[in-house]
PDB file of N, CA and C in Angstrom:
ATOM      1  N   MET A   1      -7.807  14.515  -7.381  1.00  0.00           N
ATOM      2  CA  MET A   1      -7.084  14.120  -8.580  1.00  0.00           C
ATOM      3  C   MET A   1      -6.311  12.831  -8.289  1.00  0.00           C
ATOM      4  N   PRO A   2      -6.489  11.815  -9.091  1.00  0.00           N
ATOM      5  CA  PRO A   2      -5.805  10.540  -8.862  1.00  0.00           C
ATOM      6  C   PRO A   2      -4.281  10.673  -8.984  1.00  0.00           C
ATOM      7  N   VAL A   3      -3.600   9.851  -8.213  1.00  0.00           N
ATOM      8  CA  VAL A   3      -2.148   9.769  -8.251  1.00  0.00           C
ATOM      9  C   VAL A   3      -1.796   8.391  -8.795  1.00  0.00           C
ATOM     10  N   THR A   4      -0.867   8.326  -9.727  1.00  0.00           N
ATOM     11  CA  THR A   4      -0.482   7.032 -10.282  1.00  0.00           C
ATOM     12  C   THR A   4       0.457   6.305  -9.326  1.00  0.00           C
ATOM     13  N   MET A   5       0.444   5.004  -9.388  1.00  0.00           N
ATOM     14  CA  MET A   5       1.376   4.216  -8.585  1.00  0.00           C
ATOM     15  C   MET A   5       2.810   4.499  -9.022  1.00  0.00           C
ATOM     16  N   GLU A   6       3.017   4.809 -10.282  1.00  0.00           N
ATOM     17  CA  GLU A   6       4.357   5.179 -10.730  1.00  0.00           C
ATOM     18  C   GLU A   6       4.846   6.420  -9.977  1.00  0.00           C
ATOM     19  N   ARG A   7       3.942   7.368  -9.731  1.00  0.00           N
ATOM     20  CA  ARG A   7       4.304   8.572  -8.979  1.00  0.00           C
ATOM     21  C   ARG A   7       4.635   8.230  -7.526  1.00  0.00           C
ATOM     22  N   VAL A   8       3.913   7.298  -6.949  1.00  0.00           N
ATOM     23  CA  VAL A   8       4.196   6.842  -5.584  1.00  0.00           C
ATOM     24  C   VAL A   8       5.599   6.244  -5.526  1.00  0.00           C
ATOM     25  N   VAL A   9       5.917   5.372  -6.478  1.00  0.00           N
ATOM     26  CA  VAL A   9       7.233   4.745  -6.532  1.00  0.00           C
ATOM     27  C   VAL A   9       8.327   5.799  -6.624  1.00  0.00           C
ATOM     28  N   GLU A  10       8.107   6.783  -7.479  1.00  0.00           N
ATOM     29  CA  GLU A  10       9.092   7.853  -7.664  1.00  0.00           C
ATOM     30  C   GLU A  10       9.220   8.724  -6.412  1.00  0.00           C
ATOM     31  N   ALA A  11       8.108   9.151  -5.867  1.00  0.00           N
ATOM     32  CA  ALA A  11       8.122  10.080  -4.735  1.00  0.00           C
ATOM     33  C   ALA A  11       8.728   9.463  -3.482  1.00  0.00           C
ATOM     34  N   LEU A  12       8.499   8.161  -3.288  1.00  0.00           N
ATOM     35  CA  LEU A  12       8.973   7.496  -2.076  1.00  0.00           C
ATOM     36  C   LEU A  12      10.211   6.638  -2.317  1.00  0.00           C
ATOM     37  N   GLN A  13      10.732   6.702  -3.538  1.00  0.00           N
ATOM     38  CA  GLN A  13      11.911   5.911  -3.901  1.00  0.00           C
ATOM     39  C   GLN A  13      11.707   4.444  -3.522  1.00  0.00           C
ATOM     40  N   CYS A  14      10.598   3.914  -3.972  1.00  0.00           N
ATOM     41  CA  CYS A  14      10.211   2.547  -3.621  1.00  0.00           C
ATOM     42  C   CYS A  14      10.959   1.508  -4.447  1.00  0.00           C
ATOM     43  N   ASP A  15      11.108   0.352  -3.835  1.00  0.00           N
ATOM     44  CA  ASP A  15      11.465  -0.854  -4.564  1.00  0.00           C
ATOM     45  C   ASP A  15      10.165  -1.603  -4.765  1.00  0.00           C
ATOM     46  N   VAL A  16       9.918  -2.034  -5.980  1.00  0.00           N
ATOM     47  CA  VAL A  16       8.726  -2.824  -6.253  1.00  0.00           C
ATOM     48  C   VAL A  16       9.091  -4.288  -6.009  1.00  0.00           C
ATOM     49  N   ILE A  17       8.464  -4.875  -5.031  1.00  0.00           N
ATOM     50  CA  ILE A  17       8.736  -6.266  -4.677  1.00  0.00           C
ATOM     51  C   ILE A  17       8.043  -7.192  -5.661  1.00  0.00           C
ATOM     52  N   TRP A  18       6.820  -6.869  -5.988  1.00  0.00           N
ATOM     53  CA  TRP A  18       6.047  -7.648  -6.954  1.00  0.00           C
ATOM     54  C   TRP A  18       4.967  -6.764  -7.572  1.00  0.00           C
ATOM     55  N   GLY A  19       4.694  -6.984  -8.868  1.00  0.00           N
ATOM     56  CA  GLY A  19       3.587  -6.321  -9.532  1.00  0.00           C
ATOM     57  C   GLY A  19       3.965  -5.101 -10.346  1.00  0.00           C
ATOM     58  N   ALA A  20       5.229  -4.962 -10.698  1.00  0.00           N
ATOM     59  CA  ALA A  20       5.684  -3.773 -11.438  1.00  0.00           C
ATOM     60  C   ALA A  20       4.945  -3.587 -12.754  1.00  0.00           C
ATOM     61  N   ASP A  21       4.600  -4.680 -13.418  1.00  0.00           N
ATOM     62  CA  ASP A  21       3.944  -4.589 -14.732  1.00  0.00           C
ATOM     63  C   ASP A  21       2.602  -3.876 -14.683  1.00  0.00           C
ATOM     64  N   GLY A  22       1.882  -3.999 -13.585  1.00  0.00           N
ATOM     65  CA  GLY A  22       0.558  -3.399 -13.499  1.00  0.00           C
ATOM     66  C   GLY A  22       0.516  -2.008 -12.900  1.00  0.00           C
ATOM     67  N   LEU A  23       1.649  -1.461 -12.508  1.00  0.00           N
ATOM     68  CA  LEU A  23       1.638  -0.173 -11.819  1.00  0.00           C
ATOM     69  C   LEU A  23       1.314   1.008 -12.725  1.00  0.00           C
ATOM     70  N   ARG A  24       1.676   0.920 -13.989  1.00  0.00           N
ATOM     71  CA  ARG A  24       1.467   2.042 -14.914  1.00  0.00           C
ATOM     72  C   ARG A  24      -0.008   2.427 -15.006  1.00  0.00           C
ATOM     73  N   ASP A  25      -0.881   1.441 -14.987  1.00  0.00           N
ATOM     74  CA  ASP A  25      -2.311   1.698 -15.155  1.00  0.00           C
ATOM     75  C   ASP A  25      -3.068   1.796 -13.831  1.00  0.00           C
ATOM     76  N   LEU A  26      -2.345   1.745 -12.722  1.00  0.00           N
ATOM     77  CA  LEU A  26      -2.986   1.769 -11.413  1.00  0.00           C
ATOM     78  C   LEU A  26      -3.025   3.191 -10.878  1.00  0.00           C
ATOM     79  N   HIS A  27      -4.239   3.703 -10.656  1.00  0.00           N
ATOM     80  CA  HIS A  27      -4.428   5.061 -10.142  1.00  0.00           C
ATOM     81  C   HIS A  27      -5.063   5.005  -8.759  1.00  0.00           C
ATOM     82  N   LEU A  28      -4.615   5.893  -7.897  1.00  0.00           N
ATOM     83  CA  LEU A  28      -5.108   5.950  -6.524  1.00  0.00           C
ATOM     84  C   LEU A  28      -5.749   7.298  -6.259  1.00  0.00           C
ATOM     85  N   THR A  29      -6.793   7.293  -5.469  1.00  0.00           N
ATOM     86  CA  THR A  29      -7.381   8.551  -5.012  1.00  0.00           C
ATOM     87  C   THR A  29      -7.193   8.718  -3.518  1.00  0.00           C
ATOM     88  N   ALA A  30      -6.736   7.648  -2.831  1.00  0.00           N
ATOM     89  CA  ALA A  30      -6.586   7.715  -1.388  1.00  0.00           C
ATOM     90  C   ALA A  30      -5.622   6.658  -0.884  1.00  0.00           C
ATOM     91  N   CYS A  31      -5.221   6.831   0.374  1.00  0.00           N
ATOM     92  CA  CYS A  31      -4.405   5.821   1.045  1.00  0.00           C
ATOM     93  C   CYS A  31      -4.908   5.655   2.470  1.00  0.00           C
ATOM     94  N   PHE A  32      -4.510   4.561   3.086  1.00  0.00           N
ATOM     95  CA  PHE A  32      -4.859   4.301   4.478  1.00  0.00           C
ATOM     96  C   PHE A  32      -3.635   3.695   5.137  1.00  0.00           C
ATOM     97  N   ALA A  33      -3.173   4.279   6.224  1.00  0.00           N
ATOM     98  CA  ALA A  33      -1.966   3.828   6.907  1.00  0.00           C
ATOM     99  C   ALA A  33      -2.314   3.263   8.278  1.00  0.00           C
ATOM    100  N   ALA A  34      -1.892   2.021   8.520  1.00  0.00           N
ATOM    101  CA  ALA A  34      -2.137   1.391   9.814  1.00  0.00           C
ATOM    102  C   ALA A  34      -1.329   0.114   9.923  1.00  0.00           C
ATOM    103  N   ASP A  35      -1.022  -0.257  11.156  1.00  0.00           N
ATOM    104  CA  ASP A  35      -0.419  -1.556  11.429  1.00  0.00           C
ATOM    105  C   ASP A  35      -1.445  -2.516  12.025  1.00  0.00           C
ATOM    106  N   LEU A  36      -2.540  -1.981  12.508  1.00  0.00           N
ATOM    107  CA  LEU A  36      -3.616  -2.818  13.026  1.00  0.00           C
ATOM    108  C   LEU A  36      -4.584  -3.137  11.888  1.00  0.00           C
ATOM    109  N   MET A  37      -4.579  -4.375  11.463  1.00  0.00           N
ATOM    110  CA  MET A  37      -5.403  -4.751  10.321  1.00  0.00           C
ATOM    111  C   MET A  37      -6.883  -4.652  10.643  1.00  0.00           C
ATOM    112  N   SER A  38      -7.249  -4.722  11.913  1.00  0.00           N
ATOM    113  CA  SER A  38      -8.649  -4.522  12.279  1.00  0.00           C
ATOM    114  C   SER A  38      -9.094  -3.096  11.959  1.00  0.00           C
ATOM    115  N   GLU A  39      -8.193  -2.127  12.086  1.00  0.00           N
ATOM    116  CA  GLU A  39      -8.530  -0.749  11.716  1.00  0.00           C
ATOM    117  C   GLU A  39      -8.706  -0.617  10.207  1.00  0.00           C
ATOM    118  N   VAL A  40      -7.873  -1.308   9.449  1.00  0.00           N
ATOM    119  CA  VAL A  40      -8.008  -1.281   7.987  1.00  0.00           C
ATOM    120  C   VAL A  40      -9.384  -1.801   7.597  1.00  0.00           C
ATOM    121  N   LEU A  41      -9.775  -2.926   8.179  1.00  0.00           N
ATOM    122  CA  LEU A  41     -11.078  -3.519   7.853  1.00  0.00           C
ATOM    123  C   LEU A  41     -12.236  -2.633   8.302  1.00  0.00           C
ATOM    124  N   ALA A  42     -12.083  -1.971   9.421  1.00  0.00           N
ATOM    125  CA  ALA A  42     -13.174  -1.162   9.975  1.00  0.00           C
ATOM    126  C   ALA A  42     -13.308   0.201   9.319  1.00  0.00           C
ATOM    127  N   PHE A  43     -12.182   0.800   8.897  1.00  0.00           N
ATOM    128  CA  PHE A  43     -12.236   2.211   8.525  1.00  0.00           C
ATOM    129  C   PHE A  43     -11.769   2.571   7.117  1.00  0.00           C
ATOM    130  N   SER A  44     -11.081   1.687   6.429  1.00  0.00           N
ATOM    131  CA  SER A  44     -10.569   2.057   5.100  1.00  0.00           C
ATOM    132  C   SER A  44     -11.660   1.978   4.043  1.00  0.00           C
ATOM    133  N   GLU A  45     -11.391   2.605   2.931  1.00  0.00           N
ATOM    134  CA  GLU A  45     -12.289   2.540   1.783  1.00  0.00           C
ATOM    135  C   GLU A  45     -11.630   1.713   0.688  1.00  0.00           C
ATOM    136  N   PRO A  46     -12.404   1.054  -0.141  1.00  0.00           N
ATOM    137  CA  PRO A  46     -11.838   0.254  -1.227  1.00  0.00           C
ATOM    138  C   PRO A  46     -11.002   1.103  -2.184  1.00  0.00           C
ATOM    139  N   GLU A  47     -10.094   0.418  -2.865  1.00  0.00           N
ATOM    140  CA  GLU A  47      -9.267   0.977  -3.933  1.00  0.00           C
ATOM    141  C   GLU A  47      -8.242   1.995  -3.445  1.00  0.00           C
ATOM    142  N   ALA A  48      -7.901   1.934  -2.172  1.00  0.00           N
ATOM    143  CA  ALA A  48      -6.861   2.801  -1.624  1.00  0.00           C
ATOM    144  C   ALA A  48      -5.536   2.029  -1.564  1.00  0.00           C
ATOM    145  N   LEU A  49      -4.478   2.739  -1.290  1.00  0.00           N
ATOM    146  CA  LEU A  49      -3.161   2.153  -1.050  1.00  0.00           C
ATOM    147  C   LEU A  49      -3.040   1.873   0.442  1.00  0.00           C
ATOM    148  N   LEU A  50      -2.680   0.653   0.801  1.00  0.00           N
ATOM    149  CA  LEU A  50      -2.445   0.314   2.205  1.00  0.00           C
ATOM    150  C   LEU A  50      -0.979   0.578   2.521  1.00  0.00           C
ATOM    151  N   ILE A  51      -0.736   1.426   3.512  1.00  0.00           N
ATOM    152  CA  ILE A  51       0.614   1.723   3.980  1.00  0.00           C
ATOM    153  C   ILE A  51       0.752   1.101   5.361  1.00  0.00           C
ATOM    154  N   THR A  52       1.746   0.214   5.520  1.00  0.00           N
ATOM    155  CA  THR A  52       1.882  -0.510   6.776  1.00  0.00           C
ATOM    156  C   THR A  52       3.318  -0.946   7.025  1.00  0.00           C
ATOM    157  N   GLY A  53       3.600  -1.246   8.261  1.00  0.00           N
ATOM    158  CA  GLY A  53       4.868  -1.846   8.631  1.00  0.00           C
ATOM    159  C   GLY A  53       4.708  -3.325   8.924  1.00  0.00           C
ATOM    160  N   LEU A  54       3.495  -3.827   8.824  1.00  0.00           N
ATOM    161  CA  LEU A  54       3.193  -5.227   9.105  1.00  0.00           C
ATOM    162  C   LEU A  54       3.478  -6.074   7.870  1.00  0.00           C
ATOM    163  N   THR A  55       4.427  -6.973   7.958  1.00  0.00           N
ATOM    164  CA  THR A  55       4.813  -7.776   6.789  1.00  0.00           C
ATOM    165  C   THR A  55       4.303  -9.208   6.859  1.00  0.00           C
ATOM    166  N   SER A  56       3.377  -9.480   7.750  1.00  0.00           N
ATOM    167  CA  SER A  56       2.845 -10.845   7.857  1.00  0.00           C
ATOM    168  C   SER A  56       1.797 -11.088   6.776  1.00  0.00           C
ATOM    169  N   ILE A  57       1.422 -12.330   6.667  1.00  0.00           N
ATOM    170  CA  ILE A  57       0.424 -12.736   5.678  1.00  0.00           C
ATOM    171  C   ILE A  57      -0.921 -12.039   5.917  1.00  0.00           C
ATOM    172  N   GLN A  58      -1.164 -11.605   7.159  1.00  0.00           N
ATOM    173  CA  GLN A  58      -2.406 -10.901   7.478  1.00  0.00           C
ATOM    174  C   GLN A  58      -2.547  -9.609   6.690  1.00  0.00           C
ATOM    175  N   ALA A  59      -1.449  -8.954   6.360  1.00  0.00           N
ATOM    176  CA  ALA A  59      -1.524  -7.711   5.585  1.00  0.00           C
ATOM    177  C   ALA A  59      -2.135  -7.980   4.213  1.00  0.00           C
ATOM    178  N   VAL A  60      -1.744  -9.070   3.580  1.00  0.00           N
ATOM    179  CA  VAL A  60      -2.286  -9.402   2.255  1.00  0.00           C
ATOM    180  C   VAL A  60      -3.736  -9.844   2.361  1.00  0.00           C
ATOM    181  N   HIS A  61      -4.043 -10.682   3.333  1.00  0.00           N
ATOM    182  CA  HIS A  61      -5.446 -11.095   3.522  1.00  0.00           C
ATOM    183  C   HIS A  61      -6.332  -9.871   3.749  1.00  0.00           C
ATOM    184  N   THR A  62      -5.868  -8.955   4.581  1.00  0.00           N
ATOM    185  CA  THR A  62      -6.649  -7.749   4.884  1.00  0.00           C
ATOM    186  C   THR A  62      -6.810  -6.876   3.649  1.00  0.00           C
ATOM    187  N   ALA A  63      -5.721  -6.663   2.927  1.00  0.00           N
ATOM    188  CA  ALA A  63      -5.789  -5.847   1.709  1.00  0.00           C
ATOM    189  C   ALA A  63      -6.760  -6.452   0.702  1.00  0.00           C
ATOM    190  N   ASP A  64      -6.773  -7.761   0.615  1.00  0.00           N
ATOM    191  CA  ASP A  64      -7.670  -8.447  -0.312  1.00  0.00           C
ATOM    192  C   ASP A  64      -9.129  -8.244   0.103  1.00  0.00           C
ATOM    193  N   VAL A  65      -9.437  -8.484   1.368  1.00  0.00           N
ATOM    194  CA  VAL A  65     -10.813  -8.329   1.859  1.00  0.00           C
ATOM    195  C   VAL A  65     -11.269  -6.877   1.759  1.00  0.00           C
ATOM    196  N   ALA A  66     -10.365  -5.946   2.059  1.00  0.00           N
ATOM    197  CA  ALA A  66     -10.712  -4.516   2.042  1.00  0.00           C
ATOM    198  C   ALA A  66     -10.629  -3.912   0.641  1.00  0.00           C
ATOM    199  N   GLU A  67     -10.286  -4.721  -0.349  1.00  0.00           N
ATOM    200  CA  GLU A  67     -10.201  -4.288  -1.750  1.00  0.00           C
ATOM    201  C   GLU A  67      -9.209  -3.143  -1.950  1.00  0.00           C
ATOM    202  N   MET A  68      -8.056  -3.254  -1.298  1.00  0.00           N
ATOM    203  CA  MET A  68      -7.000  -2.263  -1.456  1.00  0.00           C
ATOM    204  C   MET A  68      -6.285  -2.510  -2.792  1.00  0.00           C
ATOM    205  N   ARG A  69      -5.734  -1.454  -3.365  1.00  0.00           N
ATOM    206  CA  ARG A  69      -5.075  -1.551  -4.667  1.00  0.00           C
ATOM    207  C   ARG A  69      -3.672  -2.148  -4.603  1.00  0.00           C
ATOM    208  N   ALA A  70      -2.945  -1.828  -3.519  1.00  0.00           N
ATOM    209  CA  ALA A  70      -1.561  -2.273  -3.372  1.00  0.00           C
ATOM    210  C   ALA A  70      -1.165  -2.111  -1.913  1.00  0.00           C
ATOM    211  N   ILE A  71      -0.035  -2.714  -1.552  1.00  0.00           N
ATOM    212  CA  ILE A  71       0.496  -2.580  -0.195  1.00  0.00           C
ATOM    213  C   ILE A  71       1.879  -1.961  -0.278  1.00  0.00           C
ATOM    214  N   LEU A  72       2.094  -0.941   0.531  1.00  0.00           N
ATOM    215  CA  LEU A  72       3.397  -0.289   0.654  1.00  0.00           C
ATOM    216  C   LEU A  72       3.925  -0.550   2.059  1.00  0.00           C
ATOM    217  N   PHE A  73       5.049  -1.258   2.149  1.00  0.00           N
ATOM    218  CA  PHE A  73       5.693  -1.517   3.425  1.00  0.00           C
ATOM    219  C   PHE A  73       6.690  -0.400   3.709  1.00  0.00           C
ATOM    220  N   VAL A  74       6.679   0.106   4.927  1.00  0.00           N
ATOM    221  CA  VAL A  74       7.543   1.223   5.313  1.00  0.00           C
ATOM    222  C   VAL A  74       8.769   0.725   6.082  1.00  0.00           C
ATOM    223  N   ASN A  75       9.686   1.656   6.346  1.00  0.00           N
ATOM    224  CA  ASN A  75      10.899   1.380   7.113  1.00  0.00           C
ATOM    225  C   ASN A  75      11.779   0.312   6.474  1.00  0.00           C
ATOM    226  N   GLY A  76      11.700   0.180   5.161  1.00  0.00           N
ATOM    227  CA  GLY A  76      12.531  -0.782   4.441  1.00  0.00           C
ATOM    228  C   GLY A  76      12.160  -2.231   4.672  1.00  0.00           C
ATOM    229  N   LYS A  77      11.007  -2.473   5.248  1.00  0.00           N
ATOM    230  CA  LYS A  77      10.590  -3.847   5.547  1.00  0.00           C
ATOM    231  C   LYS A  77      10.212  -4.583   4.266  1.00  0.00           C
ATOM    232  N   ARG A  78      10.511  -5.885   4.271  1.00  0.00           N
ATOM    233  CA  ARG A  78      10.196  -6.746   3.140  1.00  0.00           C
ATOM    234  C   ARG A  78       9.500  -8.001   3.668  1.00  0.00           C
ATOM    235  N   PRO A  79       8.453  -8.434   2.997  1.00  0.00           N
ATOM    236  CA  PRO A  79       7.736  -9.630   3.454  1.00  0.00           C
ATOM    237  C   PRO A  79       8.483 -10.909   3.074  1.00  0.00           C
ATOM    238  N   GLY A  80       8.111 -11.984   3.748  1.00  0.00           N
ATOM    239  CA  GLY A  80       8.677 -13.286   3.446  1.00  0.00           C
ATOM    240  C   GLY A  80       8.052 -13.917   2.218  1.00  0.00           C
ATOM    241  N   PRO A  81       8.574 -15.074   1.806  1.00  0.00           N
ATOM    242  CA  PRO A  81       8.095 -15.739   0.590  1.00  0.00           C
ATOM    243  C   PRO A  81       6.622 -16.125   0.623  1.00  0.00           C
ATOM    244  N   ASP A  82       6.099 -16.495   1.792  1.00  0.00           N
ATOM    245  CA  ASP A  82       4.681 -16.865   1.867  1.00  0.00           C
ATOM    246  C   ASP A  82       3.775 -15.676   1.595  1.00  0.00           C
ATOM    247  N   VAL A  83       4.189 -14.513   2.059  1.00  0.00           N
ATOM    248  CA  VAL A  83       3.429 -13.278   1.825  1.00  0.00           C
ATOM    249  C   VAL A  83       3.499 -12.903   0.352  1.00  0.00           C
ATOM    250  N   LEU A  84       4.670 -12.997  -0.222  1.00  0.00           N
ATOM    251  CA  LEU A  84       4.857 -12.706  -1.647  1.00  0.00           C
ATOM    252  C   LEU A  84       3.999 -13.629  -2.510  1.00  0.00           C
ATOM    253  N   GLN A  85       3.977 -14.905  -2.177  1.00  0.00           N
ATOM    254  CA  GLN A  85       3.185 -15.867  -2.940  1.00  0.00           C
ATOM    255  C   GLN A  85       1.695 -15.536  -2.881  1.00  0.00           C
ATOM    256  N   LEU A  86       1.193 -15.223  -1.697  1.00  0.00           N
ATOM    257  CA  LEU A  86      -0.226 -14.886  -1.566  1.00  0.00           C
ATOM    258  C   LEU A  86      -0.555 -13.604  -2.326  1.00  0.00           C
ATOM    259  N   ALA A  87       0.325 -12.618  -2.277  1.00  0.00           N
ATOM    260  CA  ALA A  87       0.095 -11.370  -3.023  1.00  0.00           C
ATOM    261  C   ALA A  87       0.021 -11.647  -4.520  1.00  0.00           C
ATOM    262  N   ARG A  88       0.880 -12.515  -5.003  1.00  0.00           N
ATOM    263  CA  ARG A  88       0.816 -12.893  -6.432  1.00  0.00           C
ATOM    264  C   ARG A  88      -0.516 -13.555  -6.758  1.00  0.00           C
ATOM    265  N   GLU A  89      -0.928 -14.484  -5.905  1.00  0.00           N
ATOM    266  CA  GLU A  89      -2.201 -15.179  -6.134  1.00  0.00           C
ATOM    267  C   GLU A  89      -3.379 -14.211  -6.136  1.00  0.00           C
ATOM    268  N   ARG A  90      -3.336 -13.183  -5.297  1.00  0.00           N
ATOM    269  CA  ARG A  90      -4.433 -12.226  -5.180  1.00  0.00           C
ATOM    270  C   ARG A  90      -4.283 -11.031  -6.117  1.00  0.00           C
ATOM    271  N   GLY A  91      -3.132 -10.920  -6.788  1.00  0.00           N
ATOM    272  CA  GLY A  91      -2.909  -9.808  -7.716  1.00  0.00           C
ATOM    273  C   GLY A  91      -2.728  -8.469  -7.027  1.00  0.00           C
ATOM    274  N   ILE A  92      -2.109  -8.486  -5.853  1.00  0.00           N
ATOM    275  CA  ILE A  92      -1.902  -7.260  -5.083  1.00  0.00           C
ATOM    276  C   ILE A  92      -0.429  -6.865  -5.153  1.00  0.00           C
ATOM    277  N   PRO A  93      -0.108  -5.770  -5.825  1.00  0.00           N
ATOM    278  CA  PRO A  93       1.289  -5.327  -5.895  1.00  0.00           C
ATOM    279  C   PRO A  93       1.846  -5.000  -4.509  1.00  0.00           C
ATOM    280  N   LEU A  94       3.126  -5.304  -4.332  1.00  0.00           N
ATOM    281  CA  LEU A  94       3.831  -5.034  -3.084  1.00  0.00           C
ATOM    282  C   LEU A  94       5.016  -4.118  -3.350  1.00  0.00           C
ATOM    283  N   LEU A  95       5.143  -3.093  -2.495  1.00  0.00           N
ATOM    284  CA  LEU A  95       6.256  -2.151  -2.603  1.00  0.00           C
ATOM    285  C   LEU A  95       6.864  -1.946  -1.231  1.00  0.00           C
ATOM    286  N   THR A  96       8.090  -1.452  -1.199  1.00  0.00           N
ATOM    287  CA  THR A  96       8.717  -1.078   0.059  1.00  0.00           C
ATOM    288  C   THR A  96       9.444   0.248  -0.114  1.00  0.00           C
ATOM    289  N   THR A  97       9.497   1.009   0.973  1.00  0.00           N
ATOM    290  CA  THR A  97      10.220   2.270   0.992  1.00  0.00           C
ATOM    291  C   THR A  97      11.018   2.354   2.286  1.00  0.00           C
ATOM    292  N   LYS A  98      12.098   3.082   2.260  1.00  0.00           N
ATOM    293  CA  LYS A  98      12.899   3.277   3.465  1.00  0.00           C
ATOM    294  C   LYS A  98      12.285   4.343   4.375  1.00  0.00           C
ATOM    295  N   HIS A  99      11.324   5.083   3.864  1.00  0.00           N
ATOM    296  CA  HIS A  99      10.668   6.123   4.663  1.00  0.00           C
ATOM    297  C   HIS A  99       9.847   5.502   5.793  1.00  0.00           C
ATOM    298  N   SER A 100       9.680   6.261   6.866  1.00  0.00           N
ATOM    299  CA  SER A 100       8.779   5.849   7.935  1.00  0.00           C
ATOM    300  C   SER A 100       7.339   6.024   7.457  1.00  0.00           C
ATOM    301  N   MET A 101       6.403   5.499   8.215  1.00  0.00           N
ATOM    302  CA  MET A 101       4.998   5.661   7.865  1.00  0.00           C
ATOM    303  C   MET A 101       4.617   7.141   7.854  1.00  0.00           C
ATOM    304  N   PHE A 102       5.078   7.868   8.858  1.00  0.00           N
ATOM    305  CA  PHE A 102       4.791   9.295   8.953  1.00  0.00           C
ATOM    306  C   PHE A 102       5.323  10.039   7.727  1.00  0.00           C
ATOM    307  N   GLU A 103       6.578   9.784   7.370  1.00  0.00           N
ATOM    308  CA  GLU A 103       7.177  10.472   6.219  1.00  0.00           C
ATOM    309  C   GLU A 103       6.466  10.096   4.924  1.00  0.00           C
ATOM    310  N   ALA A 104       6.173   8.808   4.752  1.00  0.00           N
ATOM    311  CA  ALA A 104       5.505   8.356   3.531  1.00  0.00           C
ATOM    312  C   ALA A 104       4.147   9.025   3.363  1.00  0.00           C
ATOM    313  N   CYS A 105       3.385   9.082   4.440  1.00  0.00           N
ATOM    314  CA  CYS A 105       2.067   9.731   4.374  1.00  0.00           C
ATOM    315  C   CYS A 105       2.200  11.212   4.058  1.00  0.00           C
ATOM    316  N   GLY A 106       3.163  11.875   4.667  1.00  0.00           N
ATOM    317  CA  GLY A 106       3.368  13.304   4.414  1.00  0.00           C
ATOM    318  C   GLY A 106       3.746  13.586   2.978  1.00  0.00           C
ATOM    319  N   ILE A 107       4.635  12.788   2.429  1.00  0.00           N
ATOM    320  CA  ILE A 107       5.067  12.972   1.039  1.00  0.00           C
ATOM    321  C   ILE A 107       3.903  12.738   0.093  1.00  0.00           C
ATOM    322  N   LEU A 108       3.145  11.683   0.313  1.00  0.00           N
ATOM    323  CA  LEU A 108       2.010  11.389  -0.572  1.00  0.00           C
ATOM    324  C   LEU A 108       0.908  12.435  -0.447  1.00  0.00           C
ATOM    325  N   HIS A 109       0.690  12.934   0.754  1.00  0.00           N
ATOM    326  CA  HIS A 109      -0.299  13.996   0.942  1.00  0.00           C
ATOM    327  C   HIS A 109       0.141  15.259   0.193  1.00  0.00           C
ATOM    328  N   ARG A 110       1.406  15.588   0.296  1.00  0.00           N
ATOM    329  CA  ARG A 110       1.937  16.749  -0.425  1.00  0.00           C
ATOM    330  C   ARG A 110       1.737  16.595  -1.936  1.00  0.00           C
ATOM    331  N   ASP A 111       1.827  15.353  -2.422  1.00  0.00           N
ATOM    332  CA  ASP A 111       1.674  15.096  -3.842  1.00  0.00           C
ATOM    333  C   ASP A 111       0.217  14.922  -4.273  1.00  0.00           C
ATOM    334  N   GLY A 112      -0.733  15.136  -3.354  1.00  0.00           N
ATOM    335  CA  GLY A 112      -2.144  15.155  -3.731  1.00  0.00           C
ATOM    336  C   GLY A 112      -2.949  13.931  -3.353  1.00  0.00           C
ATOM    337  N   LEU A 113      -2.338  12.956  -2.718  1.00  0.00           N
ATOM    338  CA  LEU A 113      -3.086  11.764  -2.314  1.00  0.00           C
ATOM    339  C   LEU A 113      -3.749  12.034  -0.975  1.00  0.00           C
ATOM    340  N   GLN A 114      -5.016  11.749  -0.886  1.00  0.00           N
ATOM    341  CA  GLN A 114      -5.781  12.010   0.329  1.00  0.00           C
ATOM    342  C   GLN A 114      -5.863  10.739   1.179  1.00  0.00           C
ATOM    343  N   GLY A 115      -6.049  10.944   2.467  1.00  0.00           N
ATOM    344  CA  GLY A 115      -6.318   9.827   3.356  1.00  0.00           C
ATOM    345  C   GLY A 115      -7.762   9.386   3.192  1.00  0.00           C
ATOM    346  N   THR A 116      -8.062   8.198   3.620  1.00  0.00           N
ATOM    347  CA  THR A 116      -9.423   7.703   3.541  1.00  0.00           C
ATOM    348  C   THR A 116      -9.845   7.210   4.915  1.00  0.00           C
ATOM    349  N   MET A 117     -11.052   7.509   5.285  1.00  0.00           N
ATOM    350  CA  MET A 117     -11.538   7.081   6.590  1.00  0.00           C
ATOM    351  C   MET A 117     -13.052   7.040   6.555  1.00  0.00           C
ATOM    352  N   ARG A 118     -13.574   5.848   6.530  1.00  0.00           N
ATOM    353  CA  ARG A 118     -15.026   5.749   6.637  1.00  0.00           C
ATOM    354  C   ARG A 118     -15.348   5.434   8.073  1.00  0.00           C
ATOM    355  N   GLY A 119     -16.495   5.711   8.473  1.00  0.00           N
ATOM    356  CA  GLY A 119     -16.788   5.376   9.862  1.00  0.00           C
ATOM    357  C   GLY A 119     -18.040   5.946  10.384  1.00  0.00           C
TER     358      GLY A 119
END
């Protein structure tokens, strides 16, 4: 059963850094959590939520290539202006939560979001 991005924001008490307007219509069936972008490229499935602590521009490039729906930064991390600009150009919503990666994944799993792993 798909989970809405609005539900993710609510469940994880997220701040939406960019892309709030498009979250209402964004539905997720899976997420993928990693800080190694090579793992995202190798093992994630398209249209998932990327959960990461990596706030560099590589996170947006990776999410774009891997066709991820949005990026959720954990541990209260926020990306710099260059990352924000690229996310806007690529149409990738950015969110942040104070939860750790482990906690965020557990909460989303409890709410029905499944992990994704191709391989």
